[in-house]
PDB file of N, CA and C in Angstrom:
ATOM      1  N   MET A   1     -14.077   8.578  -9.587  1.00  0.00           N
ATOM      2  CA  MET A   1     -13.899   8.165 -10.967  1.00  0.00           C
ATOM      3  C   MET A   1     -12.537   8.641 -11.458  1.00  0.00           C
ATOM      4  N   PRO A   2     -11.822   7.790 -12.181  1.00  0.00           N
ATOM      5  CA  PRO A   2     -10.525   8.182 -12.707  1.00  0.00           C
ATOM      6  C   PRO A   2     -10.654   9.167 -13.869  1.00  0.00           C
ATOM      7  N   LEU A   3      -9.628   9.954 -14.045  1.00  0.00           N
ATOM      8  CA  LEU A   3      -9.544  10.902 -15.147  1.00  0.00           C
ATOM      9  C   LEU A   3      -8.616  10.302 -16.192  1.00  0.00           C
ATOM     10  N   TYR A   4      -9.147  10.043 -17.385  1.00  0.00           N
ATOM     11  CA  TYR A   4      -8.369   9.468 -18.470  1.00  0.00           C
ATOM     12  C   TYR A   4      -8.020  10.550 -19.481  1.00  0.00           C
ATOM     13  N   THR A   5      -6.848  10.421 -20.092  1.00  0.00           N
ATOM     14  CA  THR A   5      -6.389  11.370 -21.094  1.00  0.00           C
ATOM     15  C   THR A   5      -6.362  10.680 -22.447  1.00  0.00           C
ATOM     16  N   TYR A   6      -6.882  11.352 -23.455  1.00  0.00           N
ATOM     17  CA  TYR A   6      -6.923  10.836 -24.820  1.00  0.00           C
ATOM     18  C   TYR A   6      -6.279  11.856 -25.754  1.00  0.00           C
ATOM     19  N   ARG A   7      -5.790  11.361 -26.888  1.00  0.00           N
ATOM     20  CA  ARG A   7      -5.227  12.222 -27.921  1.00  0.00           C
ATOM     21  C   ARG A   7      -5.653  11.668 -29.275  1.00  0.00           C
ATOM     22  N   ALA A   8      -5.830  12.570 -30.242  1.00  0.00           N
ATOM     23  CA  ALA A   8      -6.218  12.149 -31.587  1.00  0.00           C
ATOM     24  C   ALA A   8      -5.080  11.371 -32.238  1.00  0.00           C
ATOM     25  N   ILE A   9      -5.430  10.318 -32.948  1.00  0.00           N
ATOM     26  CA  ILE A   9      -4.440   9.509 -33.654  1.00  0.00           C
ATOM     27  C   ILE A   9      -3.929  10.264 -34.877  1.00  0.00           C
ATOM     28  N   ASP A  10      -4.840  10.871 -35.626  1.00  0.00           N
ATOM     29  CA  ASP A  10      -4.498  11.598 -36.852  1.00  0.00           C
ATOM     30  C   ASP A  10      -4.629  13.090 -36.596  1.00  0.00           C
ATOM     31  N   SER A  11      -3.514  13.807 -36.625  1.00  0.00           N
ATOM     32  CA  SER A  11      -3.549  15.245 -36.329  1.00  0.00           C
ATOM     33  C   SER A  11      -4.197  16.053 -37.449  1.00  0.00           C
ATOM     34  N   LEU A  12      -4.279  15.503 -38.651  1.00  0.00           N
ATOM     35  CA  LEU A  12      -4.892  16.242 -39.763  1.00  0.00           C
ATOM     36  C   LEU A  12      -6.413  16.254 -39.692  1.00  0.00           C
ATOM     37  N   HIS A  13      -6.991  15.231 -39.098  1.00  0.00           N
ATOM     38  CA  HIS A  13      -8.453  15.116 -39.034  1.00  0.00           C
ATOM     39  C   HIS A  13      -8.952  15.208 -37.595  1.00  0.00           C
ATOM     40  N   SER A  14      -8.461  16.199 -36.855  1.00  0.00           N
ATOM     41  CA  SER A  14      -8.885  16.350 -35.459  1.00  0.00           C
ATOM     42  C   SER A  14      -9.212  17.807 -35.174  1.00  0.00           C
ATOM     43  N   CYS A  15      -9.974  18.003 -34.134  1.00  0.00           N
ATOM     44  CA  CYS A  15     -10.340  19.357 -33.726  1.00  0.00           C
ATOM     45  C   CYS A  15      -9.341  19.878 -32.686  1.00  0.00           C
ATOM     46  N   ALA A  16      -9.479  21.116 -32.299  1.00  0.00           N
ATOM     47  CA  ALA A  16      -8.581  21.716 -31.304  1.00  0.00           C
ATOM     48  C   ALA A  16      -8.717  21.034 -29.948  1.00  0.00           C
ATOM     49  N   GLU A  17      -9.895  20.473 -29.685  1.00  0.00           N
ATOM     50  CA  GLU A  17     -10.152  19.832 -28.393  1.00  0.00           C
ATOM     51  C   GLU A  17      -9.351  18.539 -28.219  1.00  0.00           C
ATOM     52  N   CYS A  18      -9.223  17.747 -29.246  1.00  0.00           N
ATOM     53  CA  CYS A  18      -8.545  16.454 -29.120  1.00  0.00           C
ATOM     54  C   CYS A  18      -7.152  16.427 -29.748  1.00  0.00           C
ATOM     55  N   LEU A  19      -6.736  17.518 -30.383  1.00  0.00           N
ATOM     56  CA  LEU A  19      -5.423  17.542 -31.039  1.00  0.00           C
ATOM     57  C   LEU A  19      -4.300  17.407 -30.019  1.00  0.00           C
ATOM     58  N   ASP A  20      -4.327  18.223 -28.979  1.00  0.00           N
ATOM     59  CA  ASP A  20      -3.284  18.160 -27.952  1.00  0.00           C
ATOM     60  C   ASP A  20      -3.601  17.053 -26.957  1.00  0.00           C
ATOM     61  N   SER A  21      -4.699  17.179 -26.246  1.00  0.00           N
ATOM     62  CA  SER A  21      -5.167  16.128 -25.346  1.00  0.00           C
ATOM     63  C   SER A  21      -6.585  16.433 -24.898  1.00  0.00           C
ATOM     64  N   LEU A  22      -7.281  15.396 -24.561  1.00  0.00           N
ATOM     65  CA  LEU A  22      -8.665  15.472 -24.118  1.00  0.00           C
ATOM     66  C   LEU A  22      -8.782  14.673 -22.832  1.00  0.00           C
ATOM     67  N   GLU A  23      -9.319  15.265 -21.789  1.00  0.00           N
ATOM     68  CA  GLU A  23      -9.462  14.570 -20.511  1.00  0.00           C
ATOM     69  C   GLU A  23     -10.920  14.210 -20.293  1.00  0.00           C
ATOM     70  N   GLN A  24     -11.141  13.005 -19.802  1.00  0.00           N
ATOM     71  CA  GLN A  24     -12.503  12.502 -19.645  1.00  0.00           C
ATOM     72  C   GLN A  24     -12.611  11.697 -18.355  1.00  0.00           C
ATOM     73  N   PHE A  25     -13.589  12.054 -17.507  1.00  0.00           N
ATOM     74  CA  PHE A  25     -13.886  11.243 -16.326  1.00  0.00           C
ATOM     75  C   PHE A  25     -14.701  10.044 -16.784  1.00  0.00           C
ATOM     76  N   GLN A  26     -14.247   8.844 -16.409  1.00  0.00           N
ATOM     77  CA  GLN A  26     -14.963   7.622 -16.760  1.00  0.00           C
ATOM     78  C   GLN A  26     -14.853   6.632 -15.618  1.00  0.00           C
ATOM     79  N   LYS A  27     -15.837   5.768 -15.527  1.00  0.00           N
ATOM     80  CA  LYS A  27     -15.753   4.666 -14.578  1.00  0.00           C
ATOM     81  C   LYS A  27     -14.705   3.678 -15.082  1.00  0.00           C
ATOM     82  N   MET A  28     -14.125   2.925 -14.151  1.00  0.00           N
ATOM     83  CA  MET A  28     -13.084   1.976 -14.537  1.00  0.00           C
ATOM     84  C   MET A  28     -13.608   0.850 -15.425  1.00  0.00           C
ATOM     85  N   ASN A  29     -14.886   0.521 -15.287  1.00  0.00           N
ATOM     86  CA  ASN A  29     -15.444  -0.567 -16.088  1.00  0.00           C
ATOM     87  C   ASN A  29     -15.997  -0.099 -17.431  1.00  0.00           C
ATOM     88  N   GLU A  30     -15.956   1.202 -17.718  1.00  0.00           N
ATOM     89  CA  GLU A  30     -16.398   1.706 -19.013  1.00  0.00           C
ATOM     90  C   GLU A  30     -15.318   1.456 -20.064  1.00  0.00           C
ATOM     91  N   PRO A  31     -15.726   1.170 -21.296  1.00  0.00           N
ATOM     92  CA  PRO A  31     -14.715   0.997 -22.350  1.00  0.00           C
ATOM     93  C   PRO A  31     -14.065   2.339 -22.687  1.00  0.00           C
ATOM     94  N   PRO A  32     -12.829   2.322 -23.173  1.00  0.00           N
ATOM     95  CA  PRO A  32     -12.176   3.583 -23.533  1.00  0.00           C
ATOM     96  C   PRO A  32     -12.881   4.258 -24.708  1.00  0.00           C
ATOM     97  N   LEU A  33     -12.752   5.573 -24.778  1.00  0.00           N
ATOM     98  CA  LEU A  33     -13.346   6.308 -25.889  1.00  0.00           C
ATOM     99  C   LEU A  33     -12.663   5.906 -27.191  1.00  0.00           C
ATOM    100  N   ALA A  34     -13.437   5.711 -28.228  1.00  0.00           N
ATOM    101  CA  ALA A  34     -12.891   5.348 -29.534  1.00  0.00           C
ATOM    102  C   ALA A  34     -12.759   6.567 -30.426  1.00  0.00           C
ATOM    103  N   GLN A  35     -13.646   7.561 -30.220  1.00  0.00           N
ATOM    104  CA  GLN A  35     -13.603   8.756 -31.047  1.00  0.00           C
ATOM    105  C   GLN A  35     -13.940   9.996 -30.233  1.00  0.00           C
ATOM    106  N   CYS A  36     -13.489  11.127 -30.738  1.00  0.00           N
ATOM    107  CA  CYS A  36     -13.690  12.413 -30.072  1.00  0.00           C
ATOM    108  C   CYS A  36     -15.181  12.737 -30.029  1.00  0.00           C
ATOM    109  N   PRO A  37     -15.694  13.212 -28.895  1.00  0.00           N
ATOM    110  CA  PRO A  37     -17.110  13.571 -28.815  1.00  0.00           C
ATOM    111  C   PRO A  37     -17.482  14.734 -29.736  1.00  0.00           C
ATOM    112  N   SER A  38     -16.524  15.594 -30.069  1.00  0.00           N
ATOM    113  CA  SER A  38     -16.812  16.767 -30.905  1.00  0.00           C
ATOM    114  C   SER A  38     -16.690  16.487 -32.396  1.00  0.00           C
ATOM    115  N   CYS A  39     -15.524  15.976 -32.819  1.00  0.00           N
ATOM    116  CA  CYS A  39     -15.260  15.843 -34.259  1.00  0.00           C
ATOM    117  C   CYS A  39     -15.271  14.393 -34.758  1.00  0.00           C
ATOM    118  N   LYS A  40     -15.440  13.437 -33.870  1.00  0.00           N
ATOM    119  CA  LYS A  40     -15.496  12.006 -34.195  1.00  0.00           C
ATOM    120  C   LYS A  40     -14.172  11.447 -34.732  1.00  0.00           C
ATOM    121  N   ALA A  41     -13.056  12.139 -34.475  1.00  0.00           N
ATOM    122  CA  ALA A  41     -11.739  11.635 -34.884  1.00  0.00           C
ATOM    123  C   ALA A  41     -11.350  10.464 -33.986  1.00  0.00           C
ATOM    124  N   PRO A  42     -10.629   9.467 -34.512  1.00  0.00           N
ATOM    125  CA  PRO A  42     -10.213   8.341 -33.682  1.00  0.00           C
ATOM    126  C   PRO A  42      -9.228   8.790 -32.604  1.00  0.00           C
ATOM    127  N   LEU A  43      -9.387   8.210 -31.408  1.00  0.00           N
ATOM    128  CA  LEU A  43      -8.568   8.583 -30.256  1.00  0.00           C
ATOM    129  C   LEU A  43      -7.751   7.404 -29.758  1.00  0.00           C
ATOM    130  N   VAL A  44      -6.688   7.730 -29.052  1.00  0.00           N
ATOM    131  CA  VAL A  44      -5.886   6.733 -28.352  1.00  0.00           C
ATOM    132  C   VAL A  44      -5.768   7.205 -26.900  1.00  0.00           C
ATOM    133  N   ARG A  45      -5.878   6.266 -25.966  1.00  0.00           N
ATOM    134  CA  ARG A  45      -5.758   6.622 -24.554  1.00  0.00           C
ATOM    135  C   ARG A  45      -4.284   6.681 -24.168  1.00  0.00           C
ATOM    136  N   ILE A  46      -3.917   7.727 -23.465  1.00  0.00           N
ATOM    137  CA  ILE A  46      -2.538   7.945 -23.040  1.00  0.00           C
ATOM    138  C   ILE A  46      -2.382   7.397 -21.626  1.00  0.00           C
ATOM    139  N   MET A  47      -1.375   6.562 -21.449  1.00  0.00           N
ATOM    140  CA  MET A  47      -1.103   5.993 -20.133  1.00  0.00           C
ATOM    141  C   MET A  47      -0.084   6.868 -19.420  1.00  0.00           C
ATOM    142  N   HIS A  48      -0.379   7.218 -18.184  1.00  0.00           N
ATOM    143  CA  HIS A  48       0.512   8.038 -17.378  1.00  0.00           C
ATOM    144  C   HIS A  48       1.128   7.178 -16.271  1.00  0.00           C
ATOM    145  N   PRO A  49       2.381   7.447 -15.916  1.00  0.00           N
ATOM    146  CA  PRO A  49       2.979   6.710 -14.797  1.00  0.00           C
ATOM    147  C   PRO A  49       2.293   7.078 -13.492  1.00  0.00           C
ATOM    148  N   VAL A  50       2.227   6.126 -12.603  1.00  0.00           N
ATOM    149  CA  VAL A  50       1.599   6.329 -11.301  1.00  0.00           C
ATOM    150  C   VAL A  50       2.667   6.771 -10.309  1.00  0.00           C
ATOM    151  N   ALA A  51       2.360   7.798  -9.559  1.00  0.00           N
ATOM    152  CA  ALA A  51       3.304   8.278  -8.555  1.00  0.00           C
ATOM    153  C   ALA A  51       3.307   7.329  -7.361  1.00  0.00           C
ATOM    154  N   THR A  52       4.479   6.944  -6.946  1.00  0.00           N
ATOM    155  CA  THR A  52       4.603   6.100  -5.771  1.00  0.00           C
ATOM    156  C   THR A  52       5.455   6.818  -4.744  1.00  0.00           C
ATOM    157  N   VAL A  53       5.165   6.557  -3.507  1.00  0.00           N
ATOM    158  CA  VAL A  53       5.902   7.184  -2.425  1.00  0.00           C
ATOM    159  C   VAL A  53       6.694   6.110  -1.703  1.00  0.00           C
ATOM    160  N   ARG A  54       7.969   6.325  -1.624  1.00  0.00           N
ATOM    161  CA  ARG A  54       8.811   5.398  -0.869  1.00  0.00           C
ATOM    162  C   ARG A  54       8.933   5.954   0.528  1.00  0.00           C
ATOM    163  N   ASP A  55       8.569   5.145   1.478  1.00  0.00           N
ATOM    164  CA  ASP A  55       8.566   5.589   2.867  1.00  0.00           C
ATOM    165  C   ASP A  55       9.596   4.794   3.648  1.00  0.00           C
ATOM    166  N   SER A  56      10.340   5.482   4.463  1.00  0.00           N
ATOM    167  CA  SER A  56      11.355   4.808   5.268  1.00  0.00           C
ATOM    168  C   SER A  56      10.794   4.390   6.626  1.00  0.00           C
ATOM    169  N   SER A  57       9.469   4.331   6.730  1.00  0.00           N
ATOM    170  CA  SER A  57       8.859   4.022   8.018  1.00  0.00           C
ATOM    171  C   SER A  57       9.133   2.587   8.481  1.00  0.00           C
ATOM    172  N   THR A  58       9.437   1.678   7.557  1.00  0.00           N
ATOM    173  CA  THR A  58       9.708   0.301   7.987  1.00  0.00           C
ATOM    174  C   THR A  58      10.980   0.232   8.824  1.00  0.00           C
ATOM    175  N   SER A  59      11.961   1.062   8.505  1.00  0.00           N
ATOM    176  CA  SER A  59      13.170   1.046   9.319  1.00  0.00           C
ATOM    177  C   SER A  59      12.876   1.589  10.720  1.00  0.00           C
ATOM    178  N   LYS A  60      11.969   2.558  10.813  1.00  0.00           N
ATOM    179  CA  LYS A  60      11.585   3.075  12.126  1.00  0.00           C
ATOM    180  C   LYS A  60      10.717   2.071  12.883  1.00  0.00           C
ATOM    181  N   THR A  61       9.856   1.391  12.144  1.00  0.00           N
ATOM    182  CA  THR A  61       8.960   0.423  12.754  1.00  0.00           C
ATOM    183  C   THR A  61       9.729  -0.752  13.332  1.00  0.00           C
ATOM    184  N   LEU A  62      10.767  -1.192  12.644  1.00  0.00           N
ATOM    185  CA  LEU A  62      11.523  -2.356  13.083  1.00  0.00           C
ATOM    186  C   LEU A  62      12.767  -1.982  13.895  1.00  0.00           C
ATOM    187  N   SER A  63      12.853  -0.740  14.338  1.00  0.00           N
ATOM    188  CA  SER A  63      14.000  -0.347  15.153  1.00  0.00           C
ATOM    189  C   SER A  63      13.921  -1.024  16.521  1.00  0.00           C
ATOM    190  N   ASP A  64      15.079  -1.204  17.154  1.00  0.00           N
ATOM    191  CA  ASP A  64      15.132  -1.875  18.453  1.00  0.00           C
ATOM    192  C   ASP A  64      14.287  -1.144  19.490  1.00  0.00           C
ATOM    193  N   ASP A  65      14.361   0.174  19.516  1.00  0.00           N
ATOM    194  CA  ASP A  65      13.600   0.956  20.497  1.00  0.00           C
ATOM    195  C   ASP A  65      12.101   0.789  20.306  1.00  0.00           C
ATOM    196  N   ASN A  66      11.634   0.813  19.049  1.00  0.00           N
ATOM    197  CA  ASN A  66      10.199   0.687  18.788  1.00  0.00           C
ATOM    198  C   ASN A  66       9.696  -0.709  19.133  1.00  0.00           C
ATOM    199  N   LEU A  67      10.484  -1.743  18.807  1.00  0.00           N
ATOM    200  CA  LEU A  67      10.082  -3.108  19.157  1.00  0.00           C
ATOM    201  C   LEU A  67       9.983  -3.280  20.663  1.00  0.00           C
ATOM    202  N   LYS A  68      10.965  -2.751  21.396  1.00  0.00           N
ATOM    203  CA  LYS A  68      10.959  -2.854  22.855  1.00  0.00           C
ATOM    204  C   LYS A  68       9.773  -2.099  23.446  1.00  0.00           C
ATOM    205  N   LYS A  69       9.487  -0.922  22.889  1.00  0.00           N
ATOM    206  CA  LYS A  69       8.373  -0.094  23.375  1.00  0.00           C
ATOM    207  C   LYS A  69       7.037  -0.830  23.244  1.00  0.00           C
ATOM    208  N   HIS A  70       6.888  -1.624  22.196  1.00  0.00           N
ATOM    209  CA  HIS A  70       5.633  -2.327  21.957  1.00  0.00           C
ATOM    210  C   HIS A  70       5.628  -3.764  22.483  1.00  0.00           C
ATOM    211  N   GLY A  71       6.656  -4.147  23.212  1.00  0.00           N
ATOM    212  CA  GLY A  71       6.657  -5.437  23.877  1.00  0.00           C
ATOM    213  C   GLY A  71       7.116  -6.614  23.039  1.00  0.00           C
ATOM    214  N   PHE A  72       7.796  -6.373  21.936  1.00  0.00           N
ATOM    215  CA  PHE A  72       8.295  -7.464  21.099  1.00  0.00           C
ATOM    216  C   PHE A  72       9.729  -7.805  21.481  1.00  0.00           C
ATOM    217  N   LYS A  73      10.123  -9.018  21.145  1.00  0.00           N
ATOM    218  CA  LYS A  73      11.498  -9.458  21.343  1.00  0.00           C
ATOM    219  C   LYS A  73      12.143  -9.607  19.980  1.00  0.00           C
ATOM    220  N   LYS A  74      13.405  -9.200  19.893  1.00  0.00           N
ATOM    221  CA  LYS A  74      14.155  -9.369  18.659  1.00  0.00           C
ATOM    222  C   LYS A  74      15.275 -10.354  18.921  1.00  0.00           C
ATOM    223  N   LEU A  75      15.301 -11.405  18.137  1.00  0.00           N
ATOM    224  CA  LEU A  75      16.310 -12.447  18.280  1.00  0.00           C
ATOM    225  C   LEU A  75      17.256 -12.399  17.089  1.00  0.00           C
ATOM    226  N   VAL A  76      18.544 -12.551  17.361  1.00  0.00           N
ATOM    227  CA  VAL A  76      19.564 -12.546  16.323  1.00  0.00           C
ATOM    228  C   VAL A  76      20.262 -13.900  16.336  1.00  0.00           C
ATOM    229  N   ASN A  77      20.465 -14.458  15.146  1.00  0.00           N
ATOM    230  CA  ASN A  77      21.089 -15.764  15.008  1.00  0.00           C
ATOM    231  C   ASN A  77      22.542 -15.684  15.479  1.00  0.00           C
ATOM    232  N   ALA A  78      22.876 -16.452  16.507  1.00  0.00           N
ATOM    233  CA  ALA A  78      24.237 -16.482  17.047  1.00  0.00           C
ATOM    234  C   ALA A  78      25.051 -17.603  16.425  1.00  0.00           C
ATOM    235  N   GLY A  79      24.426 -18.430  15.631  1.00  0.00           N
ATOM    236  CA  GLY A  79      25.114 -19.544  14.984  1.00  0.00           C
ATOM    237  C   GLY A  79      24.943 -20.829  15.771  1.00  0.00           C
ATOM    238  N   GLY A  80      25.043 -21.929  15.102  1.00  0.00           N
ATOM    239  CA  GLY A  80      24.917 -23.225  15.734  1.00  0.00           C
ATOM    240  C   GLY A  80      23.533 -23.502  16.281  1.00  0.00           C
ATOM    241  N   GLY A  81      22.505 -22.893  15.678  1.00  0.00           N
ATOM    242  CA  GLY A  81      21.135 -23.125  16.130  1.00  0.00           C
ATOM    243  C   GLY A  81      20.767 -22.345  17.373  1.00  0.00           C
ATOM    244  N   LYS A  82      21.605 -21.394  17.785  1.00  0.00           N
ATOM    245  CA  LYS A  82      21.309 -20.590  18.966  1.00  0.00           C
ATOM    246  C   LYS A  82      21.001 -19.169  18.552  1.00  0.00           C
ATOM    247  N   PHE A  83      20.124 -18.536  19.339  1.00  0.00           N
ATOM    248  CA  PHE A  83      19.708 -17.151  19.071  1.00  0.00           C
ATOM    249  C   PHE A  83      19.925 -16.321  20.322  1.00  0.00           C
ATOM    250  N   ASP A  84      20.407 -15.103  20.140  1.00  0.00           N
ATOM    251  CA  ASP A  84      20.584 -14.170  21.254  1.00  0.00           C
ATOM    252  C   ASP A  84      19.456 -13.152  21.213  1.00  0.00           C
ATOM    253  N   GLU A  85      18.929 -12.824  22.389  1.00  0.00           N
ATOM    254  CA  GLU A  85      17.873 -11.825  22.488  1.00  0.00           C
ATOM    255  C   GLU A  85      18.518 -10.439  22.520  1.00  0.00           C
ATOM    256  N   VAL A  86      18.136  -9.602  21.552  1.00  0.00           N
ATOM    257  CA  VAL A  86      18.693  -8.248  21.445  1.00  0.00           C
ATOM    258  C   VAL A  86      17.797  -7.272  22.211  1.00  0.00           C
ATOM    259  N   VAL A  87      16.523  -7.397  22.049  1.00  0.00           N
ATOM    260  CA  VAL A  87      15.575  -6.489  22.703  1.00  0.00           C
ATOM    261  C   VAL A  87      14.737  -7.280  23.671  1.00  0.00           C
TER     262      VAL A  87
END
């Protein structure tokens, strides 16, 4: 289950629990919380950026040595509709 973060919309009418932030485990198909479970203050869900990992494995995967090791052929366009076999 994802962990969602909520914050009170109005800082004057909120409790200590939702003033800074409130974290709640919810199913993805559940509607977002509309009010704080403690003080019933209106809440807004905070969206966080998703961490992505950039991997350079594609350059290793498509290297000439790796292609040759796995039995693939690499062809390079020589021009004029002809291709030269590199691996």
